[in-house]
């Protein structure tokens, strides 16, 4: 039996969370087309007959421009240090190294873990591009122990990916019960699913200025007298203008965000859900060490 940690690294919006969801065949990490969707190093548990792999879905490594961004990069770097193998996700048709990938490569040069290069989105490779050239490109900067062409969105070559990293996973007994998919609380997952709606329906910079704080979470699992999962949560915005956008005209936007979040949380928990969703303004929260700690980012 083998058991170990595989850290999934890559620039924002390269498909890391989609890969985790595809591997576990269920939604355990939120996804959106917007960069920096993942803010926490989420540990997801993959089980097979002879192995348990704890995949750490790290925040997208990028050049930070505020304290929140710096904390996300620090979280990702710490996850790389603890990994038995690093799964470096890039786009299969990359022809040059981006500024964000330069940051990742600098981190990888300081860790000793083997690196598996995952060439994602092979279903979208532009005509005439030789994927082997992408492997050669990254090989100039870091030592690559193996490479696999995949499509997280289409679930292509995922078994080949697992076979490629298994040799780097140490022998050991499973750390988690096989029924557990994520090393985190339902409360955390609910906050993420609520924030996902902000990423989906709000525009421009607003989703990146928003956090979600769960103030009360009462589940029928803990309170048998309850028929519904009750959640009281706040969107945290930085300005009154952002607060107004989140609420929307006549409260139409916040109602929409709450309705969509309720649907996703019901899917995840199996309980009917009631959400009491509000908006609070905390100017400059992304630069506040106190607020970052309170929201679980520090």
Protein backbone atom coordinates (compact mmCIF):
# COMPACT_ATOMS: atom_id res chain seq x y z
CA UNK A 1 0.00 0.00 0.00
CA UNK A 2 1.20 3.51 -0.80
CA UNK A 3 0.20 6.80 0.77
CA UNK A 4 1.58 10.27 0.23
CA UNK A 5 1.10 13.87 -0.85
CA UNK A 6 0.97 15.20 -4.39
CA UNK A 7 0.95 18.99 -4.65
CA UNK A 8 -0.73 20.47 -7.72
CA UNK A 9 1.05 23.67 -8.75
CA UNK A 10 0.56 26.05 -11.63
CA UNK A 11 -0.27 29.57 -12.62
CA UNK A 12 -3.81 30.90 -12.05
CA UNK A 13 -6.56 29.54 -14.26
CA UNK A 14 -4.51 26.68 -15.74
CA UNK A 15 -6.97 23.98 -14.62
CA UNK A 16 -5.69 22.76 -11.22
CA UNK A 17 -9.07 22.66 -9.48
CA UNK A 18 -10.71 21.10 -12.53
CA UNK A 19 -8.08 18.35 -12.36
CA UNK A 20 -8.84 17.61 -8.70
CA UNK A 21 -12.58 17.44 -9.37
CA UNK A 22 -11.98 15.12 -12.33
CA UNK A 23 -9.74 12.81 -10.29
CA UNK A 24 -12.27 12.51 -7.47
CA UNK A 25 -15.21 12.43 -9.90
CA UNK A 26 -17.09 14.95 -7.80
CA UNK A 27 -16.92 18.65 -7.02
CA UNK A 28 -14.57 19.30 -4.11
CA UNK A 29 -12.95 22.51 -5.38
CA UNK A 30 -14.64 25.55 -6.88
CA UNK A 31 -13.80 26.50 -10.44
CA UNK A 32 -14.28 29.59 -12.59
CA UNK A 33 -12.65 31.13 -15.66
CA UNK A 34 -11.29 33.93 -13.46
CA UNK A 35 -7.70 33.72 -12.15
CA UNK A 36 -6.95 33.22 -8.44
CA UNK A 37 -10.15 31.28 -7.84
CA UNK A 38 -8.43 28.97 -5.32
CA UNK A 39 -7.33 30.81 -2.17
CA UNK A 40 -6.61 27.89 0.18
CA UNK A 41 -4.41 24.83 -0.16
CA UNK A 42 -7.27 22.32 -0.33
CA UNK A 43 -6.35 18.70 0.48
CA UNK A 44 -8.39 16.19 -1.50
CA UNK A 45 -8.12 12.41 -1.04
CA UNK A 46 -7.85 10.04 -3.99
CA UNK A 47 -8.21 6.30 -3.27
CA UNK A 48 -7.42 3.24 -5.36
CA UNK A 49 -6.97 -0.44 -4.47
CA UNK A 50 -3.29 0.00 -3.67
CA UNK A 51 -2.80 3.70 -2.93
CA UNK A 52 -4.14 6.78 -1.20
CA UNK A 53 -2.91 10.07 -2.63
CA UNK A 54 -3.59 13.36 -0.88
CA UNK A 55 -3.75 15.94 -3.66
CA UNK A 56 -3.11 19.47 -2.45
CA UNK A 57 -4.84 21.93 -4.77
CA UNK A 58 -2.69 25.01 -4.23
CA UNK A 59 -3.57 28.63 -4.95
CA UNK A 60 -2.34 29.79 -8.33
CA UNK A 61 1.24 31.04 -7.98
CA UNK A 62 1.54 34.56 -9.36
CA UNK A 63 3.30 37.88 -8.85
CA UNK A 64 1.35 39.25 -5.83
CA UNK A 65 0.17 42.86 -5.58
CA UNK A 66 -1.33 42.79 -2.07
CA UNK A 67 -0.96 40.94 1.23
CA UNK A 68 -3.67 38.45 0.29
CA UNK A 69 -1.78 37.56 -2.90
CA UNK A 70 1.43 37.20 -0.91
CA UNK A 71 -0.26 34.86 1.58
CA UNK A 72 -1.64 32.74 -1.28
CA UNK A 73 1.81 32.35 -2.79
CA UNK A 74 3.28 31.52 0.64
CA UNK A 75 0.57 28.88 1.13
CA UNK A 76 1.37 27.31 -2.23
CA UNK A 77 5.11 27.34 -1.52
CA UNK A 78 4.58 25.61 1.83
CA UNK A 79 2.50 22.91 0.13
CA UNK A 80 5.32 22.27 -2.35
CA UNK A 81 7.79 21.82 0.51
CA UNK A 82 5.64 19.09 2.08
CA UNK A 83 4.89 17.14 -1.11
CA UNK A 84 6.26 13.76 -2.09
CA UNK A 85 5.72 14.69 -5.73
CA UNK A 86 4.83 17.97 -7.43
CA UNK A 87 2.36 17.97 -10.31
CA UNK A 88 3.19 21.09 -12.31
CA UNK A 89 0.22 21.97 -14.51
CA UNK A 90 0.86 24.00 -17.67
CA UNK A 91 -1.05 24.51 -20.90
CA UNK A 92 -0.11 21.93 -23.51
CA UNK A 93 0.42 24.63 -26.15
CA UNK A 94 2.65 26.94 -24.07
CA UNK A 95 5.30 28.43 -26.34
CA UNK A 96 6.96 30.70 -23.79
CA UNK A 97 7.40 31.08 -20.05
CA UNK A 98 4.99 33.56 -18.45
CA UNK A 99 5.84 35.88 -15.57
CA UNK A 100 3.76 33.70 -13.22
CA UNK A 101 5.54 30.53 -14.39
CA UNK A 102 8.86 32.27 -13.73
CA UNK A 103 7.71 32.60 -10.09
CA UNK A 104 6.77 28.92 -9.96
CA UNK A 105 10.05 27.78 -11.48
CA UNK A 106 11.96 29.81 -8.88
CA UNK A 107 10.05 27.97 -6.13
CA UNK A 108 10.56 24.56 -7.72
CA UNK A 109 14.32 25.09 -7.88
CA UNK A 110 14.33 25.28 -4.07
CA UNK A 111 12.46 22.01 -3.41
CA UNK A 112 13.80 18.48 -3.70
CA UNK A 113 10.56 16.71 -4.61
CA UNK A 114 10.30 15.13 -8.07
CA UNK A 115 8.27 17.04 -10.65
CA UNK A 116 5.67 15.62 -13.02
CA UNK A 117 4.81 18.05 -15.82
CA UNK A 118 1.11 17.91 -16.69
CA UNK A 119 0.33 19.29 -20.12
CA UNK A 120 -3.31 20.23 -19.66
CA UNK A 121 -5.96 21.15 -22.24
CA UNK A 122 -4.62 18.82 -24.94
CA UNK A 123 -8.12 18.88 -26.41
CA UNK A 124 -7.61 22.56 -27.21
CA UNK A 125 -4.06 22.53 -28.59
CA UNK A 126 -3.82 24.78 -31.61
CA UNK A 127 -3.26 23.10 -34.96
CA UNK A 128 0.37 22.45 -35.81
CA UNK A 129 1.74 22.80 -32.28
CA UNK A 130 4.11 20.01 -31.18
CA UNK A 131 3.45 19.33 -27.48
CA UNK A 132 6.96 17.90 -27.14
CA UNK A 133 8.24 21.44 -27.69
CA UNK A 134 6.35 22.52 -24.56
CA UNK A 135 8.09 19.77 -22.57
CA UNK A 136 11.45 20.90 -23.96
CA UNK A 137 10.63 24.51 -23.04
CA UNK A 138 10.07 23.75 -19.36
CA UNK A 139 12.94 21.24 -19.26
CA UNK A 140 15.34 24.12 -19.89
CA UNK A 141 14.47 25.58 -16.49
CA UNK A 142 13.69 22.65 -14.17
CA UNK A 143 14.34 18.92 -13.89
CA UNK A 144 11.25 17.04 -15.04
CA UNK A 145 10.91 13.44 -13.84
CA UNK A 146 7.91 12.61 -16.03
CA UNK A 147 5.33 14.30 -18.24
CA UNK A 148 1.75 13.41 -19.14
CA UNK A 149 -0.64 14.98 -21.64
CA UNK A 150 -4.09 15.40 -20.07
CA UNK A 151 -7.39 17.20 -20.31
CA UNK A 152 -8.88 17.83 -16.89
CA UNK A 153 -12.11 19.10 -18.42
CA UNK A 154 -12.54 16.01 -20.60
CA UNK A 155 -11.02 13.57 -18.02
CA UNK A 156 -8.47 12.40 -20.61
CA UNK A 157 -5.41 10.33 -19.60
CA UNK A 158 -6.04 10.64 -15.86
CA UNK A 159 -5.20 6.96 -15.25
CA UNK A 160 -1.92 7.48 -17.10
CA UNK A 161 -1.25 10.44 -14.84
CA UNK A 162 -1.82 8.37 -11.68
CA UNK A 163 0.42 5.60 -13.04
CA UNK A 164 3.16 8.16 -13.70
CA UNK A 165 3.28 9.55 -10.14
CA UNK A 166 2.71 6.32 -8.18
CA UNK A 167 6.46 5.46 -8.20
CA UNK A 168 7.12 8.68 -6.26
CA UNK A 169 4.53 7.97 -3.55
CA UNK A 170 6.06 6.28 -0.47
CA UNK A 171 4.81 3.05 1.04
CA UNK A 172 2.49 3.46 3.98
CA UNK A 173 -0.96 2.89 5.39
CA UNK A 174 -3.81 5.26 4.44
CA UNK A 175 -4.14 8.39 6.54
CA UNK A 176 -7.85 8.89 5.88
CA UNK A 177 -10.99 6.79 5.78
CA UNK A 178 -11.71 5.92 2.11
CA UNK A 179 -15.12 7.67 2.35
CA UNK A 180 -13.47 11.05 3.02
CA UNK A 181 -12.93 13.17 -0.09
CA UNK A 182 -11.66 16.42 1.39
CA UNK A 183 -9.56 17.20 4.44
CA UNK A 184 -11.73 20.13 5.46
CA UNK A 185 -15.04 21.00 7.05
CA UNK A 186 -18.49 21.35 5.46
CA UNK A 187 -18.43 24.90 6.78
CA UNK A 188 -15.33 25.66 4.69
CA UNK A 189 -16.84 24.03 1.61
CA UNK A 190 -20.03 26.06 2.03
CA UNK A 191 -18.03 29.31 2.15
CA UNK A 192 -16.21 28.31 -1.02
CA UNK A 193 -19.44 27.44 -2.84
CA UNK A 194 -20.92 30.80 -1.88
CA UNK A 195 -17.78 32.62 -3.08
CA UNK A 196 -17.93 30.66 -6.33
CA UNK A 197 -21.19 32.42 -7.18
CA UNK A 198 -19.49 35.80 -6.79
CA UNK A 199 -16.84 34.66 -9.24
CA UNK A 200 -19.52 33.46 -11.61
CA UNK A 201 -21.93 36.40 -11.61
CA UNK A 202 -19.94 39.49 -10.60
CA UNK A 203 -17.72 41.31 -13.07
CA UNK A 204 -14.35 43.02 -13.32
CA UNK A 205 -12.34 43.31 -10.11
CA UNK A 206 -15.29 42.87 -7.72
CA UNK A 207 -15.03 39.05 -7.27
CA UNK A 208 -11.35 39.37 -6.33
CA UNK A 209 -12.19 41.95 -3.66
CA UNK A 210 -14.75 39.67 -2.02
CA UNK A 211 -14.41 37.09 0.74
CA UNK A 212 -17.03 34.97 2.49
CA UNK A 213 -17.31 34.54 6.23
CA UNK A 214 -19.61 31.92 7.78
CA UNK A 215 -21.02 33.22 11.06
CA UNK A 216 -23.38 30.34 11.82
CA UNK A 217 -23.61 26.81 10.45
CA UNK A 218 -26.18 24.42 11.89
CA UNK A 219 -26.52 21.07 10.14
CA UNK A 220 -29.15 18.35 10.73
CA UNK A 221 -26.15 16.05 11.26
CA UNK A 222 -25.32 17.96 14.47
CA UNK A 223 -28.83 19.19 15.31
CA UNK A 224 -31.23 16.27 14.64
CA UNK A 225 -34.25 18.45 15.41
CA UNK A 226 -33.47 20.58 12.34
CA UNK A 227 -34.90 19.68 8.95
CA UNK A 228 -32.72 22.16 7.05
CA UNK A 229 -29.06 23.12 7.08
CA UNK A 230 -29.01 26.73 8.30
CA UNK A 231 -26.18 29.01 7.16
CA UNK A 232 -25.68 32.64 8.13
CA UNK A 233 -22.91 34.14 6.04
CA UNK A 234 -21.45 37.47 4.99
CA UNK A 235 -19.84 38.66 1.81
CA UNK A 236 -16.89 40.85 2.83
CA UNK A 237 -16.37 43.75 0.39
CA UNK A 238 -13.77 46.51 0.42
CA UNK A 239 -15.91 49.49 -0.60
CA UNK A 240 -19.51 50.67 -0.43
CA UNK A 241 -19.56 50.60 -4.23
CA UNK A 242 -18.71 46.90 -4.25
CA UNK A 243 -21.34 46.31 -1.57
CA UNK A 244 -23.95 47.94 -3.79
CA UNK A 245 -22.95 45.78 -6.76
CA UNK A 246 -23.20 42.59 -4.67
CA UNK A 247 -26.65 43.56 -3.35
CA UNK A 248 -27.88 44.71 -6.77
CA UNK A 249 -30.94 46.72 -7.64
CA UNK A 250 -33.67 45.92 -5.16
CA UNK A 251 -31.48 43.11 -3.75
CA UNK A 252 -31.76 41.09 -6.97
CA UNK A 253 -28.09 40.14 -7.18
CA UNK A 254 -27.61 38.92 -3.61
CA UNK A 255 -30.82 36.89 -3.93
CA UNK A 256 -29.43 35.30 -7.09
CA UNK A 257 -26.10 34.54 -5.44
CA UNK A 258 -27.86 32.99 -2.45
CA UNK A 259 -30.19 30.89 -4.60
CA UNK A 260 -27.35 29.49 -6.71
CA UNK A 261 -25.19 28.84 -3.64
CA UNK A 262 -28.07 27.00 -1.99
CA UNK A 263 -28.36 24.66 -4.99
CA UNK A 264 -24.64 23.84 -4.91
CA UNK A 265 -24.53 23.33 -1.13
CA UNK A 266 -27.56 21.03 -1.27
CA UNK A 267 -25.75 18.93 -3.88
CA UNK A 268 -22.65 18.78 -1.70
CA UNK A 269 -24.30 18.03 1.65
CA UNK A 270 -27.49 16.19 0.74
CA UNK A 271 -29.51 18.48 3.01
CA UNK A 272 -32.12 21.10 2.14
CA UNK A 273 -30.47 24.47 2.83
CA UNK A 274 -31.55 27.88 4.10
CA UNK A 275 -29.02 30.71 3.64
CA UNK A 276 -29.14 34.07 5.38
CA UNK A 277 -26.70 36.02 3.20
CA UNK A 278 -25.60 39.61 3.83
CA UNK A 279 -22.83 42.04 2.82
CA UNK A 280 -20.38 43.82 5.10
CA UNK A 281 -17.75 46.39 4.16
CA UNK A 282 -14.20 46.03 5.48
CA UNK A 283 -12.02 48.62 3.71
CA UNK A 284 -8.65 47.23 2.64
CA UNK A 285 -9.26 43.76 4.06
CA UNK A 286 -6.84 42.21 1.54
CA UNK A 287 -4.04 44.28 3.10
CA UNK A 288 -5.05 43.61 6.72
CA UNK A 289 -3.15 40.89 8.57
CA UNK A 290 -5.96 40.75 11.15
CA UNK A 291 -8.66 40.20 8.53
CA UNK A 292 -6.59 37.69 6.56
CA UNK A 293 -6.09 35.67 9.73
CA UNK A 294 -9.78 35.93 10.63
CA UNK A 295 -10.80 34.70 7.17
CA UNK A 296 -8.34 31.80 7.27
CA UNK A 297 -5.79 33.09 4.77
CA UNK A 298 -2.97 33.65 7.25
